[in-house]
Amino acid sequence: MFWELYQISQINDARTTAVNASARAGNAEDRLKRLEHRIEGLTLACQALWEISSEELNVTKEQLVQKMQEVDLRDGKLDGRMRRQVQDCPKCGRKSQKQRKSCIYCGTPLPDDGHMFAI
């Protein structure tokens, strides 16, 4: 009798674990689909910008690669990634992300480095 109760408890625990794992897998799949959608949109935007740049401004592939490396090095590493960048507030000295227009702590306008994206 006790053995049967123990087995039932173990079976219920296994079912709960399986249900939780299934839910986490479903959430991961949803996040993956959203990321794939974002990547496809960014790829399309990059291709359109490249075609405009090369056709209208005569930008060469070498110039593009050189600029990509320059942007990549802004975080100190040539690793094919852009890291979130922070800056110090000129008034209170606290750190804020570079894409912010003003300090989240004191409201002071932050310097604009002219770059559209600071990821």
PDB file of N, CA and C in Angstrom:
ATOM      1  N   MET A   1       0.815  -1.192   0.000  1.00  0.00           N
ATOM      2  CA  MET A   1       0.000   0.000   0.000  1.00  0.00           C
ATOM      3  C   MET A   1       0.867   1.269   0.000  1.00  0.00           C
ATOM      4  N   PHE A   2       1.882   1.300   0.923  1.00  0.00           N
ATOM      5  CA  PHE A   2       2.754   2.461   0.957  1.00  0.00           C
ATOM      6  C   PHE A   2       3.563   2.577  -0.336  1.00  0.00           C
ATOM      7  N   TRP A   3       3.950   1.399  -0.845  1.00  0.00           N
ATOM      8  CA  TRP A   3       4.705   1.398  -2.106  1.00  0.00           C
ATOM      9  C   TRP A   3       3.874   1.986  -3.238  1.00  0.00           C
ATOM     10  N   GLU A   4       2.609   1.653  -3.298  1.00  0.00           N
ATOM     11  CA  GLU A   4       1.723   2.184  -4.337  1.00  0.00           C
ATOM     12  C   GLU A   4       1.568   3.695  -4.184  1.00  0.00           C
ATOM     13  N   LEU A   5       1.407   4.180  -2.972  1.00  0.00           N
ATOM     14  CA  LEU A   5       1.298   5.624  -2.739  1.00  0.00           C
ATOM     15  C   LEU A   5       2.585   6.335  -3.165  1.00  0.00           C
ATOM     16  N   TYR A   6       3.720   5.707  -2.848  1.00  0.00           N
ATOM     17  CA  TYR A   6       5.005   6.282  -3.244  1.00  0.00           C
ATOM     18  C   TYR A   6       5.121   6.345  -4.764  1.00  0.00           C
ATOM     19  N   GLN A   7       4.722   5.268  -5.443  1.00  0.00           N
ATOM     20  CA  GLN A   7       4.787   5.241  -6.902  1.00  0.00           C
ATOM     21  C   GLN A   7       3.852   6.275  -7.515  1.00  0.00           C
ATOM     22  N   ILE A   8       2.672   6.414  -6.968  1.00  0.00           N
ATOM     23  CA  ILE A   8       1.722   7.415  -7.469  1.00  0.00           C
ATOM     24  C   ILE A   8       2.303   8.815  -7.294  1.00  0.00           C
ATOM     25  N   SER A   9       2.929   9.050  -6.155  1.00  0.00           N
ATOM     26  CA  SER A   9       3.565  10.350  -5.909  1.00  0.00           C
ATOM     27  C   SER A   9       4.686  10.601  -6.918  1.00  0.00           C
ATOM     28  N   GLN A  10       5.489   9.594  -7.177  1.00  0.00           N
ATOM     29  CA  GLN A  10       6.582   9.725  -8.143  1.00  0.00           C
ATOM     30  C   GLN A  10       6.039   9.974  -9.553  1.00  0.00           C
ATOM     31  N   ILE A  11       4.992   9.284  -9.904  1.00  0.00           N
ATOM     32  CA  ILE A  11       4.373   9.472 -11.222  1.00  0.00           C
ATOM     33  C   ILE A  11       3.826  10.886 -11.348  1.00  0.00           C
ATOM     34  N   ASN A  12       3.165  11.371 -10.312  1.00  0.00           N
ATOM     35  CA  ASN A  12       2.632  12.741 -10.335  1.00  0.00           C
ATOM     36  C   ASN A  12       3.756  13.770 -10.430  1.00  0.00           C
ATOM     37  N   ASP A  13       4.840  13.540  -9.698  1.00  0.00           N
ATOM     38  CA  ASP A  13       5.993  14.443  -9.798  1.00  0.00           C
ATOM     39  C   ASP A  13       6.568  14.444 -11.211  1.00  0.00           C
ATOM     40  N   ALA A  14       6.654  13.260 -11.809  1.00  0.00           N
ATOM     41  CA  ALA A  14       7.182  13.164 -13.180  1.00  0.00           C
ATOM     42  C   ALA A  14       6.270  13.873 -14.165  1.00  0.00           C
ATOM     43  N   ARG A  15       4.965  13.739 -13.977  1.00  0.00           N
ATOM     44  CA  ARG A  15       4.005  14.439 -14.856  1.00  0.00           C
ATOM     45  C   ARG A  15       4.155  15.951 -14.710  1.00  0.00           C
ATOM     46  N   THR A  16       4.257  16.425 -13.483  1.00  0.00           N
ATOM     47  CA  THR A  16       4.420  17.862 -13.242  1.00  0.00           C
ATOM     48  C   THR A  16       5.701  18.374 -13.895  1.00  0.00           C
ATOM     49  N   THR A  17       6.774  17.611 -13.740  1.00  0.00           N
ATOM     50  CA  THR A  17       8.045  17.986 -14.360  1.00  0.00           C
ATOM     51  C   THR A  17       7.905  18.026 -15.876  1.00  0.00           C
ATOM     52  N   ALA A  18       7.225  17.057 -16.454  1.00  0.00           N
ATOM     53  CA  ALA A  18       7.037  17.011 -17.909  1.00  0.00           C
ATOM     54  C   ALA A  18       6.187  18.190 -18.386  1.00  0.00           C
ATOM     55  N   VAL A  19       5.137  18.515 -17.652  1.00  0.00           N
ATOM     56  CA  VAL A  19       4.281  19.649 -18.022  1.00  0.00           C
ATOM     57  C   VAL A  19       5.081  20.950 -17.961  1.00  0.00           C
ATOM     58  N   ASN A  20       5.871  21.117 -16.900  1.00  0.00           N
ATOM     59  CA  ASN A  20       6.698  22.323 -16.771  1.00  0.00           C
ATOM     60  C   ASN A  20       7.731  22.414 -17.886  1.00  0.00           C
ATOM     61  N   ALA A  21       8.352  21.299 -18.207  1.00  0.00           N
ATOM     62  CA  ALA A  21       9.341  21.281 -19.295  1.00  0.00           C
ATOM     63  C   ALA A  21       8.689  21.611 -20.625  1.00  0.00           C
ATOM     64  N   SER A  22       7.501  21.096 -20.832  1.00  0.00           N
ATOM     65  CA  SER A  22       6.780  21.381 -22.071  1.00  0.00           C
ATOM     66  C   SER A  22       6.437  22.867 -22.170  1.00  0.00           C
ATOM     67  N   ALA A  23       6.027  23.460 -21.067  1.00  0.00           N
ATOM     68  CA  ALA A  23       5.703  24.893 -21.060  1.00  0.00           C
ATOM     69  C   ALA A  23       6.952  25.726 -21.332  1.00  0.00           C
ATOM     70  N   ARG A  24       8.072  25.365 -20.701  1.00  0.00           N
ATOM     71  CA  ARG A  24       9.323  26.106 -20.945  1.00  0.00           C
ATOM     72  C   ARG A  24       9.763  25.961 -22.395  1.00  0.00           C
ATOM     73  N   ALA A  25       9.607  24.780 -22.961  1.00  0.00           N
ATOM     74  CA  ALA A  25       9.969  24.566 -24.369  1.00  0.00           C
ATOM     75  C   ALA A  25       9.075  25.412 -25.278  1.00  0.00           C
ATOM     76  N   GLY A  26       7.787  25.477 -24.955  1.00  0.00           N
ATOM     77  CA  GLY A  26       6.870  26.301 -25.743  1.00  0.00           C
ATOM     78  C   GLY A  26       7.238  27.777 -25.668  1.00  0.00           C
ATOM     79  N   ASN A  27       7.612  28.253 -24.472  1.00  0.00           N
ATOM     80  CA  ASN A  27       8.041  29.641 -24.313  1.00  0.00           C
ATOM     81  C   ASN A  27       9.314  29.919 -25.096  1.00  0.00           C
ATOM     82  N   ALA A  28      10.248  28.986 -25.044  1.00  0.00           N
ATOM     83  CA  ALA A  28      11.500  29.150 -25.788  1.00  0.00           C
ATOM     84  C   ALA A  28      11.230  29.185 -27.289  1.00  0.00           C
ATOM     85  N   GLU A  29      10.316  28.358 -27.749  1.00  0.00           N
ATOM     86  CA  GLU A  29       9.967  28.341 -29.173  1.00  0.00           C
ATOM     87  C   GLU A  29       9.331  29.664 -29.584  1.00  0.00           C
ATOM     88  N   ASP A  30       8.470  30.214 -28.738  1.00  0.00           N
ATOM     89  CA  ASP A  30       7.861  31.521 -29.032  1.00  0.00           C
ATOM     90  C   ASP A  30       8.922  32.615 -29.100  1.00  0.00           C
ATOM     91  N   ARG A  31       9.858  32.617 -28.152  1.00  0.00           N
ATOM     92  CA  ARG A  31      10.927  33.620 -28.160  1.00  0.00           C
ATOM     93  C   ARG A  31      11.787  33.471 -29.405  1.00  0.00           C
ATOM     94  N   LEU A  32      12.074  32.235 -29.780  1.00  0.00           N
ATOM     95  CA  LEU A  32      12.868  31.986 -30.973  1.00  0.00           C
ATOM     96  C   LEU A  32      12.167  32.518 -32.216  1.00  0.00           C
ATOM     97  N   LYS A  33      10.873  32.279 -32.334  1.00  0.00           N
ATOM     98  CA  LYS A  33      10.117  32.777 -33.489  1.00  0.00           C
ATOM     99  C   LYS A  33      10.139  34.296 -33.549  1.00  0.00           C
ATOM    100  N   ARG A  34       9.999  34.958 -32.387  1.00  0.00           N
ATOM    101  CA  ARG A  34      10.053  36.425 -32.354  1.00  0.00           C
ATOM    102  C   ARG A  34      11.435  36.927 -32.766  1.00  0.00           C
ATOM    103  N   LEU A  35      12.478  36.278 -32.277  1.00  0.00           N
ATOM    104  CA  LEU A  35      13.836  36.668 -32.647  1.00  0.00           C
ATOM    105  C   LEU A  35      14.098  36.450 -34.137  1.00  0.00           C
ATOM    106  N   GLU A  36      13.636  35.332 -34.670  1.00  0.00           N
ATOM    107  CA  GLU A  36      13.797  35.079 -36.103  1.00  0.00           C
ATOM    108  C   GLU A  36      13.084  36.149 -36.917  1.00  0.00           C
ATOM    109  N   HIS A  37      11.906  36.544 -36.482  1.00  0.00           N
ATOM    110  CA  HIS A  37      11.156  37.583 -37.181  1.00  0.00           C
ATOM    111  C   HIS A  37      11.929  38.908 -37.149  1.00  0.00           C
ATOM    112  N   ARG A  38      12.483  39.242 -35.997  1.00  0.00           N
ATOM    113  CA  ARG A  38      13.273  40.476 -35.882  1.00  0.00           C
ATOM    114  C   ARG A  38      14.510  40.415 -36.766  1.00  0.00           C
ATOM    115  N   ILE A  39      15.186  39.268 -36.782  1.00  0.00           N
ATOM    116  CA  ILE A  39      16.384  39.120 -37.605  1.00  0.00           C
ATOM    117  C   ILE A  39      16.043  39.255 -39.083  1.00  0.00           C
ATOM    118  N   GLU A  40      14.938  38.663 -39.504  1.00  0.00           N
ATOM    119  CA  GLU A  40      14.528  38.783 -40.904  1.00  0.00           C
ATOM    120  C   GLU A  40      14.255  40.245 -41.266  1.00  0.00           C
ATOM    121  N   GLY A  41      13.599  40.968 -40.376  1.00  0.00           N
ATOM    122  CA  GLY A  41      13.341  42.388 -40.615  1.00  0.00           C
ATOM    123  C   GLY A  41      14.619  43.202 -40.673  1.00  0.00           C
ATOM    124  N   LEU A  42      15.556  42.919 -39.763  1.00  0.00           N
ATOM    125  CA  LEU A  42      16.834  43.627 -39.771  1.00  0.00           C
ATOM    126  C   LEU A  42      17.656  43.282 -41.007  1.00  0.00           C
ATOM    127  N   THR A  43      17.602  42.029 -41.430  1.00  0.00           N
ATOM    128  CA  THR A  43      18.309  41.625 -42.644  1.00  0.00           C
ATOM    129  C   THR A  43      17.756  42.373 -43.858  1.00  0.00           C
ATOM    130  N   LEU A  44      16.444  42.467 -43.933  1.00  0.00           N
ATOM    131  CA  LEU A  44      15.803  43.205 -45.031  1.00  0.00           C
ATOM    132  C   LEU A  44      16.210  44.675 -45.007  1.00  0.00           C
ATOM    133  N   ALA A  45      16.191  45.290 -43.825  1.00  0.00           N
ATOM    134  CA  ALA A  45      16.578  46.702 -43.699  1.00  0.00           C
ATOM    135  C   ALA A  45      18.034  46.898 -44.089  1.00  0.00           C
ATOM    136  N   CYS A  46      18.920  45.999 -43.645  1.00  0.00           N
ATOM    137  CA  CYS A  46      20.337  46.110 -43.990  1.00  0.00           C
ATOM    138  C   CYS A  46      20.551  45.987 -45.501  1.00  0.00           C
ATOM    139  N   GLN A  47      19.853  45.040 -46.122  1.00  0.00           N
ATOM    140  CA  GLN A  47      19.999  44.866 -47.563  1.00  0.00           C
ATOM    141  C   GLN A  47      19.520  46.110 -48.310  1.00  0.00           C
ATOM    142  N   ALA A  48      18.390  46.649 -47.889  1.00  0.00           N
ATOM    143  CA  ALA A  48      17.866  47.865 -48.538  1.00  0.00           C
ATOM    144  C   ALA A  48      18.833  49.028 -48.367  1.00  0.00           C
ATOM    145  N   LEU A  49      19.357  49.204 -47.159  1.00  0.00           N
ATOM    146  CA  LEU A  49      20.323  50.282 -46.922  1.00  0.00           C
ATOM    147  C   LEU A  49      21.601  50.079 -47.728  1.00  0.00           C
ATOM    148  N   TRP A  50      22.053  48.825 -47.833  1.00  0.00           N
ATOM    149  CA  TRP A  50      23.239  48.560 -48.633  1.00  0.00           C
ATOM    150  C   TRP A  50      23.000  48.916 -50.094  1.00  0.00           C
ATOM    151  N   GLU A  51      21.855  48.514 -50.632  1.00  0.00           N
ATOM    152  CA  GLU A  51      21.580  48.806 -52.037  1.00  0.00           C
ATOM    153  C   GLU A  51      21.470  50.306 -52.291  1.00  0.00           C
ATOM    154  N   ILE A  52      20.821  51.027 -51.401  1.00  0.00           N
ATOM    155  CA  ILE A  52      20.751  52.495 -51.547  1.00  0.00           C
ATOM    156  C   ILE A  52      22.151  53.089 -51.483  1.00  0.00           C
ATOM    157  N   SER A  53      22.945  52.652 -50.502  1.00  0.00           N
ATOM    158  CA  SER A  53      24.296  53.195 -50.333  1.00  0.00           C
ATOM    159  C   SER A  53      25.180  52.911 -51.537  1.00  0.00           C
ATOM    160  N   SER A  54      25.118  51.699 -52.038  1.00  0.00           N
ATOM    161  CA  SER A  54      25.987  51.360 -53.159  1.00  0.00           C
ATOM    162  C   SER A  54      25.513  52.004 -54.459  1.00  0.00           C
ATOM    163  N   GLU A  55      24.198  52.075 -54.665  1.00  0.00           N
ATOM    164  CA  GLU A  55      23.673  52.636 -55.909  1.00  0.00           C
ATOM    165  C   GLU A  55      23.707  54.163 -55.918  1.00  0.00           C
ATOM    166  N   GLU A  56      23.287  54.778 -54.850  1.00  0.00           N
ATOM    167  CA  GLU A  56      23.144  56.241 -54.823  1.00  0.00           C
ATOM    168  C   GLU A  56      24.418  56.958 -54.369  1.00  0.00           C
ATOM    169  N   LEU A  57      25.179  56.337 -53.494  1.00  0.00           N
ATOM    170  CA  LEU A  57      26.349  56.997 -52.921  1.00  0.00           C
ATOM    171  C   LEU A  57      27.663  56.377 -53.374  1.00  0.00           C
ATOM    172  N   ASN A  58      27.573  55.338 -54.195  1.00  0.00           N
ATOM    173  CA  ASN A  58      28.757  54.640 -54.709  1.00  0.00           C
ATOM    174  C   ASN A  58      29.656  54.099 -53.602  1.00  0.00           C
ATOM    175  N   VAL A  59      29.064  53.653 -52.514  1.00  0.00           N
ATOM    176  CA  VAL A  59      29.827  53.041 -51.432  1.00  0.00           C
ATOM    177  C   VAL A  59      30.263  51.650 -51.885  1.00  0.00           C
ATOM    178  N   THR A  60      31.541  51.346 -51.651  1.00  0.00           N
ATOM    179  CA  THR A  60      32.055  50.038 -52.048  1.00  0.00           C
ATOM    180  C   THR A  60      31.907  49.034 -50.900  1.00  0.00           C
ATOM    181  N   LYS A  61      32.006  47.772 -51.263  1.00  0.00           N
ATOM    182  CA  LYS A  61      31.942  46.722 -50.244  1.00  0.00           C
ATOM    183  C   LYS A  61      33.093  46.873 -49.247  1.00  0.00           C
ATOM    184  N   GLU A  62      34.257  47.272 -49.740  1.00  0.00           N
ATOM    185  CA  GLU A  62      35.421  47.465 -48.867  1.00  0.00           C
ATOM    186  C   GLU A  62      35.151  48.585 -47.851  1.00  0.00           C
ATOM    187  N   GLN A  63      34.518  49.660 -48.298  1.00  0.00           N
ATOM    188  CA  GLN A  63      34.175  50.744 -47.380  1.00  0.00           C
ATOM    189  C   GLN A  63      33.181  50.265 -46.322  1.00  0.00           C
ATOM    190  N   LEU A  64      32.220  49.460 -46.745  1.00  0.00           N
ATOM    191  CA  LEU A  64      31.239  48.917 -45.807  1.00  0.00           C
ATOM    192  C   LEU A  64      31.923  48.047 -44.754  1.00  0.00           C
ATOM    193  N   VAL A  65      32.798  47.154 -45.198  1.00  0.00           N
ATOM    194  CA  VAL A  65      33.495  46.264 -44.268  1.00  0.00           C
ATOM    195  C   VAL A  65      34.361  47.082 -43.305  1.00  0.00           C
ATOM    196  N   GLN A  66      35.041  48.099 -43.831  1.00  0.00           N
ATOM    197  CA  GLN A  66      35.877  48.951 -42.982  1.00  0.00           C
ATOM    198  C   GLN A  66      35.026  49.656 -41.921  1.00  0.00           C
ATOM    199  N   LYS A  67      33.863  50.175 -42.304  1.00  0.00           N
ATOM    200  CA  LYS A  67      32.979  50.860 -41.355  1.00  0.00           C
ATOM    201  C   LYS A  67      32.433  49.871 -40.330  1.00  0.00           C
ATOM    202  N   MET A  68      32.105  48.651 -40.779  1.00  0.00           N
ATOM    203  CA  MET A  68      31.620  47.636 -39.848  1.00  0.00           C
ATOM    204  C   MET A  68      32.671  47.333 -38.789  1.00  0.00           C
ATOM    205  N   GLN A  69      33.921  47.235 -39.202  1.00  0.00           N
ATOM    206  CA  GLN A  69      34.997  46.969 -38.249  1.00  0.00           C
ATOM    207  C   GLN A  69      35.176  48.153 -37.295  1.00  0.00           C
ATOM    208  N   GLU A  70      35.070  49.354 -37.817  1.00  0.00           N
ATOM    209  CA  GLU A  70      35.184  50.555 -36.980  1.00  0.00           C
ATOM    210  C   GLU A  70      34.093  50.569 -35.910  1.00  0.00           C
ATOM    211  N   VAL A  71      32.872  50.290 -36.328  1.00  0.00           N
ATOM    212  CA  VAL A  71      31.752  50.264 -35.382  1.00  0.00           C
ATOM    213  C   VAL A  71      31.940  49.128 -34.381  1.00  0.00           C
ATOM    214  N   ASP A  72      32.386  47.979 -34.864  1.00  0.00           N
ATOM    215  CA  ASP A  72      32.605  46.824 -33.997  1.00  0.00           C
ATOM    216  C   ASP A  72      33.632  47.143 -32.906  1.00  0.00           C
ATOM    217  N   LEU A  73      34.651  47.904 -33.230  1.00  0.00           N
ATOM    218  CA  LEU A  73      35.717  48.222 -32.284  1.00  0.00           C
ATOM    219  C   LEU A  73      35.325  49.269 -31.241  1.00  0.00           C
ATOM    220  N   ARG A  74      34.182  49.891 -31.371  1.00  0.00           N
ATOM    221  CA  ARG A  74      33.784  50.928 -30.411  1.00  0.00           C
ATOM    222  C   ARG A  74      33.671  50.417 -28.989  1.00  0.00           C
ATOM    223  N   ASP A  75      33.401  49.127 -28.838  1.00  0.00           N
ATOM    224  CA  ASP A  75      33.318  48.568 -27.483  1.00  0.00           C
ATOM    225  C   ASP A  75      34.654  47.963 -27.050  1.00  0.00           C
ATOM    226  N   GLY A  76      35.694  48.163 -27.879  1.00  0.00           N
ATOM    227  CA  GLY A  76      37.025  47.695 -27.519  1.00  0.00           C
ATOM    228  C   GLY A  76      37.372  46.304 -28.016  1.00  0.00           C
ATOM    229  N   LYS A  77      36.436  45.612 -28.670  1.00  0.00           N
ATOM    230  CA  LYS A  77      36.701  44.253 -29.153  1.00  0.00           C
ATOM    231  C   LYS A  77      36.226  44.109 -30.590  1.00  0.00           C
ATOM    232  N   LEU A  78      37.071  43.520 -31.427  1.00  0.00           N
ATOM    233  CA  LEU A  78      36.687  43.186 -32.793  1.00  0.00           C
ATOM    234  C   LEU A  78      36.155  41.760 -32.755  1.00  0.00           C
ATOM    235  N   ASP A  79      34.850  41.639 -32.448  1.00  0.00           N
ATOM    236  CA  ASP A  79      34.263  40.315 -32.241  1.00  0.00           C
ATOM    237  C   ASP A  79      32.943  40.122 -32.976  1.00  0.00           C
ATOM    238  N   GLY A  80      32.603  41.045 -33.877  1.00  0.00           N
ATOM    239  CA  GLY A  80      31.368  40.895 -34.640  1.00  0.00           C
ATOM    240  C   GLY A  80      30.115  41.199 -33.833  1.00  0.00           C
ATOM    241  N   ARG A  81      30.268  41.891 -32.710  1.00  0.00           N
ATOM    242  CA  ARG A  81      29.117  42.189 -31.848  1.00  0.00           C
ATOM    243  C   ARG A  81      29.182  43.640 -31.382  1.00  0.00           C
ATOM    244  N   MET A  82      28.014  44.177 -31.099  1.00  0.00           N
ATOM    245  CA  MET A  82      27.925  45.493 -30.463  1.00  0.00           C
ATOM    246  C   MET A  82      27.379  45.272 -29.057  1.00  0.00           C
ATOM    247  N   ARG A  83      28.107  45.710 -28.094  1.00  0.00           N
ATOM    248  CA  ARG A  83      27.679  45.566 -26.705  1.00  0.00           C
ATOM    249  C   ARG A  83      26.979  46.849 -26.255  1.00  0.00           C
ATOM    250  N   ARG A  84      26.111  46.698 -25.269  1.00  0.00           N
ATOM    251  CA  ARG A  84      25.478  47.885 -24.691  1.00  0.00           C
ATOM    252  C   ARG A  84      26.553  48.806 -24.158  1.00  0.00           C
ATOM    253  N   GLN A  85      26.408  50.064 -24.465  1.00  0.00           N
ATOM    254  CA  GLN A  85      27.389  51.027 -24.013  1.00  0.00           C
ATOM    255  C   GLN A  85      26.746  51.971 -23.021  1.00  0.00           C
ATOM    256  N   VAL A  86      27.542  52.382 -22.045  1.00  0.00           N
ATOM    257  CA  VAL A  86      27.049  53.305 -21.031  1.00  0.00           C
ATOM    258  C   VAL A  86      27.922  54.545 -21.030  1.00  0.00           C
ATOM    259  N   GLN A  87      27.366  55.608 -20.466  1.00  0.00           N
ATOM    260  CA  GLN A  87      28.122  56.843 -20.317  1.00  0.00           C
ATOM    261  C   GLN A  87      27.807  57.432 -18.948  1.00  0.00           C
ATOM    262  N   ASP A  88      28.714  58.243 -18.462  1.00  0.00           N
ATOM    263  CA  ASP A  88      28.525  58.902 -17.180  1.00  0.00           C
ATOM    264  C   ASP A  88      27.755  60.197 -17.375  1.00  0.00           C
ATOM    265  N   CYS A  89      26.826  60.462 -16.482  1.00  0.00           N
ATOM    266  CA  CYS A  89      26.086  61.725 -16.515  1.00  0.00           C
ATOM    267  C   CYS A  89      27.044  62.855 -16.151  1.00  0.00           C
ATOM    268  N   PRO A  90      27.039  63.947 -16.919  1.00  0.00           N
ATOM    269  CA  PRO A  90      27.955  65.050 -16.620  1.00  0.00           C
ATOM    270  C   PRO A  90      27.619  65.755 -15.297  1.00  0.00           C
ATOM    271  N   LYS A  91      26.380  65.591 -14.803  1.00  0.00           N
ATOM    272  CA  LYS A  91      25.994  66.273 -13.564  1.00  0.00           C
ATOM    273  C   LYS A  91      26.151  65.380 -12.336  1.00  0.00           C
ATOM    274  N   CYS A  92      25.485  64.220 -12.337  1.00  0.00           N
ATOM    275  CA  CYS A  92      25.489  63.382 -11.132  1.00  0.00           C
ATOM    276  C   CYS A  92      26.519  62.258 -11.186  1.00  0.00           C
ATOM    277  N   GLY A  93      27.081  61.983 -12.374  1.00  0.00           N
ATOM    278  CA  GLY A  93      28.117  60.969 -12.500  1.00  0.00           C
ATOM    279  C   GLY A  93      27.617  59.534 -12.583  1.00  0.00           C
ATOM    280  N   ARG A  94      26.313  59.327 -12.479  1.00  0.00           N
ATOM    281  CA  ARG A  94      25.788  57.965 -12.570  1.00  0.00           C
ATOM    282  C   ARG A  94      25.797  57.501 -14.017  1.00  0.00           C
ATOM    283  N   LYS A  95      25.772  56.180 -14.193  1.00  0.00           N
ATOM    284  CA  LYS A  95      25.841  55.600 -15.530  1.00  0.00           C
ATOM    285  C   LYS A  95      24.446  55.451 -16.140  1.00  0.00           C
ATOM    286  N   SER A  96      24.354  55.777 -17.434  1.00  0.00           N
ATOM    287  CA  SER A  96      23.130  55.598 -18.216  1.00  0.00           C
ATOM    288  C   SER A  96      23.512  54.987 -19.552  1.00  0.00           C
ATOM    289  N   GLN A  97      22.571  54.294 -20.171  1.00  0.00           N
ATOM    290  CA  GLN A  97      22.839  53.746 -21.491  1.00  0.00           C
ATOM    291  C   GLN A  97      22.979  54.886 -22.494  1.00  0.00           C
ATOM    292  N   LYS A  98      23.878  54.685 -23.460  1.00  0.00           N
ATOM    293  CA  LYS A  98      24.191  55.755 -24.407  1.00  0.00           C
ATOM    294  C   LYS A  98      23.013  56.188 -25.267  1.00  0.00           C
ATOM    295  N   GLN A  99      22.032  55.308 -25.493  1.00  0.00           N
ATOM    296  CA  GLN A  99      20.929  55.698 -26.355  1.00  0.00           C
ATOM    297  C   GLN A  99      19.941  56.624 -25.646  1.00  0.00           C
ATOM    298  N   ARG A 100      20.080  56.797 -24.335  1.00  0.00           N
ATOM    299  CA  ARG A 100      19.183  57.683 -23.588  1.00  0.00           C
ATOM    300  C   ARG A 100      19.503  59.136 -23.915  1.00  0.00           C
ATOM    301  N   LYS A 101      18.475  59.950 -23.940  1.00  0.00           N
ATOM    302  CA  LYS A 101      18.646  61.379 -24.204  1.00  0.00           C
ATOM    303  C   LYS A 101      18.941  62.154 -22.924  1.00  0.00           C
ATOM    304  N   SER A 102      18.461  61.618 -21.778  1.00  0.00           N
ATOM    305  CA  SER A 102      18.703  62.295 -20.505  1.00  0.00           C
ATOM    306  C   SER A 102      18.965  61.265 -19.417  1.00  0.00           C
ATOM    307  N   CYS A 103      19.610  61.721 -18.348  1.00  0.00           N
ATOM    308  CA  CYS A 103      19.946  60.859 -17.225  1.00  0.00           C
ATOM    309  C   CYS A 103      18.668  60.399 -16.530  1.00  0.00           C
ATOM    310  N   ILE A 104      18.577  59.107 -16.254  1.00  0.00           N
ATOM    311  CA  ILE A 104      17.375  58.583 -15.605  1.00  0.00           C
ATOM    312  C   ILE A 104      17.333  58.957 -14.135  1.00  0.00           C
ATOM    313  N   TYR A 105      18.444  59.429 -13.567  1.00  0.00           N
ATOM    314  CA  TYR A 105      18.496  59.764 -12.152  1.00  0.00           C
ATOM    315  C   TYR A 105      18.217  61.239 -11.888  1.00  0.00           C
ATOM    316  N   CYS A 106      18.858  62.129 -12.679  1.00  0.00           N
ATOM    317  CA  CYS A 106      18.708  63.562 -12.390  1.00  0.00           C
ATOM    318  C   CYS A 106      18.065  64.352 -13.524  1.00  0.00           C
ATOM    319  N   GLY A 107      17.871  63.706 -14.697  1.00  0.00           N
ATOM    320  CA  GLY A 107      17.190  64.373 -15.810  1.00  0.00           C
ATOM    321  C   GLY A 107      18.079  65.235 -16.679  1.00  0.00           C
ATOM    322  N   THR A 108      19.346  65.330 -16.372  1.00  0.00           N
ATOM    323  CA  THR A 108      20.261  66.151 -17.159  1.00  0.00           C
ATOM    324  C   THR A 108      20.388  65.583 -18.571  1.00  0.00           C
ATOM    325  N   PRO A 109      20.329  66.451 -19.601  1.00  0.00           N
ATOM    326  CA  PRO A 109      20.538  65.953 -20.970  1.00  0.00           C
ATOM    327  C   PRO A 109      21.924  65.322 -21.103  1.00  0.00           C
ATOM    328  N   LEU A 110      21.966  64.197 -21.792  1.00  0.00           N
ATOM    329  CA  LEU A 110      23.229  63.485 -21.996  1.00  0.00           C
ATOM    330  C   LEU A 110      23.798  63.839 -23.361  1.00  0.00           C
ATOM    331  N   PRO A 111      25.128  63.837 -23.475  1.00  0.00           N
ATOM    332  CA  PRO A 111      25.741  64.143 -24.770  1.00  0.00           C
ATOM    333  C   PRO A 111      25.328  63.129 -25.821  1.00  0.00           C
ATOM    334  N   ASP A 112      25.099  63.606 -27.035  1.00  0.00           N
ATOM    335  CA  ASP A 112      24.743  62.743 -28.162  1.00  0.00           C
ATOM    336  C   ASP A 112      25.994  62.527 -28.982  1.00  0.00           C
ATOM    337  N   ASP A 113      26.404  61.246 -29.118  1.00  0.00           N
ATOM    338  CA  ASP A 113      27.632  60.976 -29.872  1.00  0.00           C
ATOM    339  C   ASP A 113      27.384  60.854 -31.371  1.00  0.00           C
ATOM    340  N   GLY A 114      26.138  61.073 -31.788  1.00  0.00           N
ATOM    341  CA  GLY A 114      25.815  61.045 -33.207  1.00  0.00           C
ATOM    342  C   GLY A 114      25.537  59.678 -33.770  1.00  0.00           C
ATOM    343  N   HIS A 115      25.652  58.644 -32.962  1.00  0.00           N
ATOM    344  CA  HIS A 115      25.364  57.307 -33.444  1.00  0.00           C
ATOM    345  C   HIS A 115      23.928  56.958 -33.149  1.00  0.00           C
ATOM    346  N   MET A 116      23.258  56.427 -34.157  1.00  0.00           N
ATOM    347  CA  MET A 116      21.841  56.130 -34.053  1.00  0.00           C
ATOM    348  C   MET A 116      21.555  55.008 -33.075  1.00  0.00           C
ATOM    349  N   PHE A 117      22.399  53.980 -33.084  1.00  0.00           N
ATOM    350  CA  PHE A 117      22.149  52.810 -32.258  1.00  0.00           C
ATOM    351  C   PHE A 117      23.320  52.586 -31.315  1.00  0.00           C
ATOM    352  N   ALA A 118      23.031  52.352 -30.078  1.00  0.00           N
ATOM    353  CA  ALA A 118      24.042  51.923 -29.113  1.00  0.00           C
ATOM    354  C   ALA A 118      23.468  50.708 -28.416  1.00  0.00           C
ATOM    355  N   ILE A 119      23.770  49.560 -28.947  1.00  0.00           N
ATOM    356  CA  ILE A 119      23.136  48.333 -28.457  1.00  0.00           C
ATOM    357  C   ILE A 119      24.027  47.671 -27.434  1.00  0.00           C
TER     358      ILE A 119
END
